[in-house]
Amino acid sequence: MQQQNKGLTSSSSSSSSSRSRSRSSSSGKAAAAAAKRQQQQQQQRQQKQEMKVEGGLQQIQSLYQRQQQQQQQQQQQQQQQQQQAPRLHPQQHKSTAPNSSSSSNSSTITPPSHPPAAAAAAASTAASASAAA
């Protein structure tokens, strides 16, 4: 009897262990499937973000190119304006130079506004210095 009981218990324990194995394998499969789903979702998110970033980069590049084109156009316009501007001959430069220098000299050389007051102040300081000595 005892031997039969032992046999029964061993068979029941082996069947329960096989059930637990099948449960664990099915739960493992479910976990693997869930992990796959998460990975796919993350990949999709990354792809969307990369597309956004690429779109942003393309916009930045197009703006940069526009700015460069505008700068080049402005430089070309400035060069054209400089080329089209009337050029003075060296004789004209010589003729205008003395006029400008003479006018600037006449405006810069101005007599002092109150020369007697300055002289009086200098004399008073000299007198006070000699008196103190």
C-alpha atoms as a PDB file:
ATOM      1  CA  MET A   1       0.000   0.000   0.000  1.00  0.00           C
ATOM      2  CA  GLN A   2       2.665   2.367   0.878  1.00  0.00           C
ATOM      3  CA  GLN A   3       4.415   1.667  -2.365  1.00  0.00           C
ATOM      4  CA  GLN A   4       1.247   2.307  -4.312  1.00  0.00           C
ATOM      5  CA  ASN A   5       0.737   5.571  -2.457  1.00  0.00           C
ATOM      6  CA  LYS A   6       4.271   6.571  -3.250  1.00  0.00           C
ATOM      7  CA  GLY A   7       3.655   5.843  -6.896  1.00  0.00           C
ATOM      8  CA  LEU A   8       0.495   7.912  -6.897  1.00  0.00           C
ATOM      9  CA  THR A   9       2.145  10.866  -5.261  1.00  0.00           C
ATOM     10  CA  SER A  10       5.071  10.776  -7.628  1.00  0.00           C
ATOM     11  CA  SER A  11       2.824  10.633 -10.673  1.00  0.00           C
ATOM     12  CA  SER A  12       0.642  13.468  -9.425  1.00  0.00           C
ATOM     13  CA  SER A  13       3.641  15.612  -8.668  1.00  0.00           C
ATOM     14  CA  SER A  14       5.087  15.020 -12.118  1.00  0.00           C
ATOM     15  CA  SER A  15       1.804  15.976 -13.783  1.00  0.00           C
ATOM     16  CA  SER A  16       1.564  19.168 -11.749  1.00  0.00           C
ATOM     17  CA  SER A  17       5.108  20.092 -12.660  1.00  0.00           C
ATOM     18  CA  SER A  18       4.349  19.584 -16.346  1.00  0.00           C
ATOM     19  CA  ARG A  19       1.301  21.826 -15.971  1.00  0.00           C
ATOM     20  CA  SER A  20       3.385  24.532 -14.369  1.00  0.00           C
ATOM     21  CA  ARG A  21       5.928  24.202 -17.159  1.00  0.00           C
ATOM     22  CA  SER A  22       3.231  24.669 -19.786  1.00  0.00           C
ATOM     23  CA  ARG A  23       1.889  27.679 -17.889  1.00  0.00           C
ATOM     24  CA  SER A  24       5.328  29.207 -17.622  1.00  0.00           C
ATOM     25  CA  SER A  25       6.029  28.579 -21.284  1.00  0.00           C
ATOM     26  CA  SER A  26       2.730  30.166 -22.300  1.00  0.00           C
ATOM     27  CA  SER A  27       3.345  33.129 -20.012  1.00  0.00           C
ATOM     28  CA  GLY A  28       6.847  33.366 -21.455  1.00  0.00           C
ATOM     29  CA  LYS A  29       5.387  33.437 -24.949  1.00  0.00           C
ATOM     30  CA  ALA A  30       2.977  36.173 -23.921  1.00  0.00           C
ATOM     31  CA  ALA A  31       5.815  38.165 -22.373  1.00  0.00           C
ATOM     32  CA  ALA A  32       7.891  37.758 -25.524  1.00  0.00           C
ATOM     33  CA  ALA A  33       4.966  38.891 -27.665  1.00  0.00           C
ATOM     34  CA  ALA A  34       4.434  41.918 -25.413  1.00  0.00           C
ATOM     35  CA  ALA A  35       8.131  42.752 -25.608  1.00  0.00           C
ATOM     36  CA  LYS A  36       7.984  42.509 -29.402  1.00  0.00           C
ATOM     37  CA  ARG A  37       4.999  44.834 -29.475  1.00  0.00           C
ATOM     38  CA  GLN A  38       6.771  47.354 -27.266  1.00  0.00           C
ATOM     39  CA  GLN A  39       9.857  47.191 -29.451  1.00  0.00           C
ATOM     40  CA  GLN A  40       7.815  47.763 -32.592  1.00  0.00           C
ATOM     41  CA  GLN A  41       6.031  50.702 -31.001  1.00  0.00           C
ATOM     42  CA  GLN A  42       9.350  52.218 -29.931  1.00  0.00           C
ATOM     43  CA  GLN A  43      10.732  51.781 -33.429  1.00  0.00           C
ATOM     44  CA  GLN A  44       7.675  53.491 -34.886  1.00  0.00           C
ATOM     45  CA  ARG A  45       8.068  56.378 -32.436  1.00  0.00           C
ATOM     46  CA  GLN A  46      11.740  56.708 -33.295  1.00  0.00           C
ATOM     47  CA  GLN A  47      10.962  56.720 -36.994  1.00  0.00           C
ATOM     48  CA  LYS A  48       8.358  59.441 -36.492  1.00  0.00           C
ATOM     49  CA  GLN A  49      10.817  61.511 -34.464  1.00  0.00           C
ATOM     50  CA  GLU A  50      13.528  60.995 -37.057  1.00  0.00           C
ATOM     51  CA  MET A  51      11.129  62.113 -39.769  1.00  0.00           C
ATOM     52  CA  LYS A  52      10.311  65.218 -37.744  1.00  0.00           C
ATOM     53  CA  VAL A  53      13.994  65.942 -37.206  1.00  0.00           C
ATOM     54  CA  GLU A  54      14.764  65.402 -40.880  1.00  0.00           C
ATOM     55  CA  GLY A  55      11.910  67.716 -41.811  1.00  0.00           C
ATOM     56  CA  GLY A  56      13.240  70.346 -39.420  1.00  0.00           C
ATOM     57  CA  LEU A  57      16.738  69.982 -40.816  1.00  0.00           C
ATOM     58  CA  GLN A  58      15.450  70.355 -44.340  1.00  0.00           C
ATOM     59  CA  GLN A  59      13.614  73.527 -43.369  1.00  0.00           C
ATOM     60  CA  ILE A  60      16.750  74.902 -41.733  1.00  0.00           C
ATOM     61  CA  GLN A  61      18.837  74.053 -44.776  1.00  0.00           C
ATOM     62  CA  SER A  62      16.368  75.715 -47.114  1.00  0.00           C
ATOM     63  CA  LEU A  63      16.304  78.852 -44.941  1.00  0.00           C
ATOM     64  CA  TYR A  64      20.089  78.913 -44.837  1.00  0.00           C
ATOM     65  CA  GLN A  65      20.272  78.577 -48.609  1.00  0.00           C
ATOM     66  CA  ARG A  66      17.755  81.397 -49.046  1.00  0.00           C
ATOM     67  CA  GLN A  67      19.788  83.649 -46.778  1.00  0.00           C
ATOM     68  CA  GLN A  68      22.962  82.883 -48.683  1.00  0.00           C
ATOM     69  CA  GLN A  69      21.254  83.641 -51.974  1.00  0.00           C
ATOM     70  CA  GLN A  70      19.955  86.942 -50.617  1.00  0.00           C
ATOM     71  CA  GLN A  71      23.406  87.888 -49.352  1.00  0.00           C
ATOM     72  CA  GLN A  72      24.948  87.070 -52.711  1.00  0.00           C
ATOM     73  CA  GLN A  73      22.321  89.162 -54.483  1.00  0.00           C
ATOM     74  CA  GLN A  74      22.960  92.081 -52.141  1.00  0.00           C
ATOM     75  CA  GLN A  75      26.697  91.846 -52.711  1.00  0.00           C
ATOM     76  CA  GLN A  76      26.183  91.762 -56.459  1.00  0.00           C
ATOM     77  CA  GLN A  77      23.915  94.811 -56.273  1.00  0.00           C
ATOM     78  CA  GLN A  78      26.471  96.689 -54.193  1.00  0.00           C
ATOM     79  CA  GLN A  79      29.219  95.839 -56.659  1.00  0.00           C
ATOM     80  CA  GLN A  80      27.054  96.995 -59.550  1.00  0.00           C
ATOM     81  CA  GLN A  81      26.263 100.243 -57.759  1.00  0.00           C
ATOM     82  CA  GLN A  82      29.939 100.843 -57.080  1.00  0.00           C
ATOM     83  CA  GLN A  83      30.779 100.184 -60.707  1.00  0.00           C
ATOM     84  CA  GLN A  84      27.978 102.451 -61.936  1.00  0.00           C
ATOM     85  CA  ALA A  85      28.858 105.294 -59.559  1.00  0.00           C
ATOM     86  CA  PRO A  86      30.558 108.232 -61.339  1.00  0.00           C
ATOM     87  CA  ARG A  87      34.292 108.153 -60.842  1.00  0.00           C
ATOM     88  CA  LEU A  88      36.232 111.342 -60.238  1.00  0.00           C
ATOM     89  CA  HIS A  89      39.391 111.944 -62.203  1.00  0.00           C
ATOM     90  CA  PRO A  90      42.578 112.662 -60.242  1.00  0.00           C
ATOM     91  CA  GLN A  91      42.451 116.310 -61.399  1.00  0.00           C
ATOM     92  CA  GLN A  92      39.047 116.720 -59.806  1.00  0.00           C
ATOM     93  CA  HIS A  93      40.380 115.225 -56.571  1.00  0.00           C
ATOM     94  CA  LYS A  94      43.228 117.742 -56.572  1.00  0.00           C
ATOM     95  CA  SER A  95      40.912 120.644 -57.222  1.00  0.00           C
ATOM     96  CA  THR A  96      38.553 119.713 -54.386  1.00  0.00           C
ATOM     97  CA  ALA A  97      41.281 118.971 -51.846  1.00  0.00           C
ATOM     98  CA  PRO A  98      42.510 122.536 -51.125  1.00  0.00           C
ATOM     99  CA  ASN A  99      38.977 123.899 -50.836  1.00  0.00           C
ATOM    100  CA  SER A 100      38.047 121.374 -48.200  1.00  0.00           C
ATOM    101  CA  SER A 101      41.281 121.861 -46.286  1.00  0.00           C
ATOM    102  CA  SER A 102      41.051 125.666 -46.343  1.00  0.00           C
ATOM    103  CA  SER A 103      37.466 125.612 -45.144  1.00  0.00           C
ATOM    104  CA  SER A 104      38.317 123.205 -42.357  1.00  0.00           C
ATOM    105  CA  ASN A 105      41.311 125.315 -41.353  1.00  0.00           C
ATOM    106  CA  SER A 106      39.250 128.471 -41.186  1.00  0.00           C
ATOM    107  CA  SER A 107      36.623 126.801 -39.052  1.00  0.00           C
ATOM    108  CA  THR A 108      39.056 125.164 -36.646  1.00  0.00           C
ATOM    109  CA  ILE A 109      41.293 128.176 -36.076  1.00  0.00           C
ATOM    110  CA  THR A 110      39.118 130.438 -33.969  1.00  0.00           C
ATOM    111  CA  PRO A 111      40.450 133.063 -31.630  1.00  0.00           C
ATOM    112  CA  PRO A 112      39.795 132.490 -27.927  1.00  0.00           C
ATOM    113  CA  SER A 113      36.534 134.022 -26.855  1.00  0.00           C
ATOM    114  CA  HIS A 114      37.822 135.918 -23.795  1.00  0.00           C
ATOM    115  CA  PRO A 115      41.566 136.485 -23.986  1.00  0.00           C
ATOM    116  CA  PRO A 116      41.647 139.340 -21.443  1.00  0.00           C
ATOM    117  CA  ALA A 117      39.913 137.219 -18.820  1.00  0.00           C
ATOM    118  CA  ALA A 118      42.457 134.441 -19.230  1.00  0.00           C
ATOM    119  CA  ALA A 119      45.341 136.896 -18.938  1.00  0.00           C
ATOM    120  CA  ALA A 120      43.834 138.489 -15.835  1.00  0.00           C
ATOM    121  CA  ALA A 121      43.409 135.112 -14.189  1.00  0.00           C
ATOM    122  CA  ALA A 122      47.034 134.215 -14.891  1.00  0.00           C
ATOM    123  CA  ALA A 123      48.215 137.550 -13.493  1.00  0.00           C
ATOM    124  CA  SER A 124      46.176 137.171 -10.319  1.00  0.00           C
ATOM    125  CA  THR A 125      47.567 133.701  -9.645  1.00  0.00           C
ATOM    126  CA  ALA A 126      51.107 134.978 -10.195  1.00  0.00           C
ATOM    127  CA  ALA A 127      50.516 137.867  -7.808  1.00  0.00           C
ATOM    128  CA  SER A 128      49.085 135.635  -5.110  1.00  0.00           C
ATOM    129  CA  ALA A 129      52.002 133.227  -5.479  1.00  0.00           C
ATOM    130  CA  SER A 130      54.547 136.051  -5.073  1.00  0.00           C
ATOM    131  CA  ALA A 131      52.655 137.424  -2.087  1.00  0.00           C
ATOM    132  CA  ALA A 132      52.660 134.067  -0.392  1.00  0.00           C
ATOM    133  CA  ALA A 133      56.404 133.731  -0.900  1.00  0.00           C
END
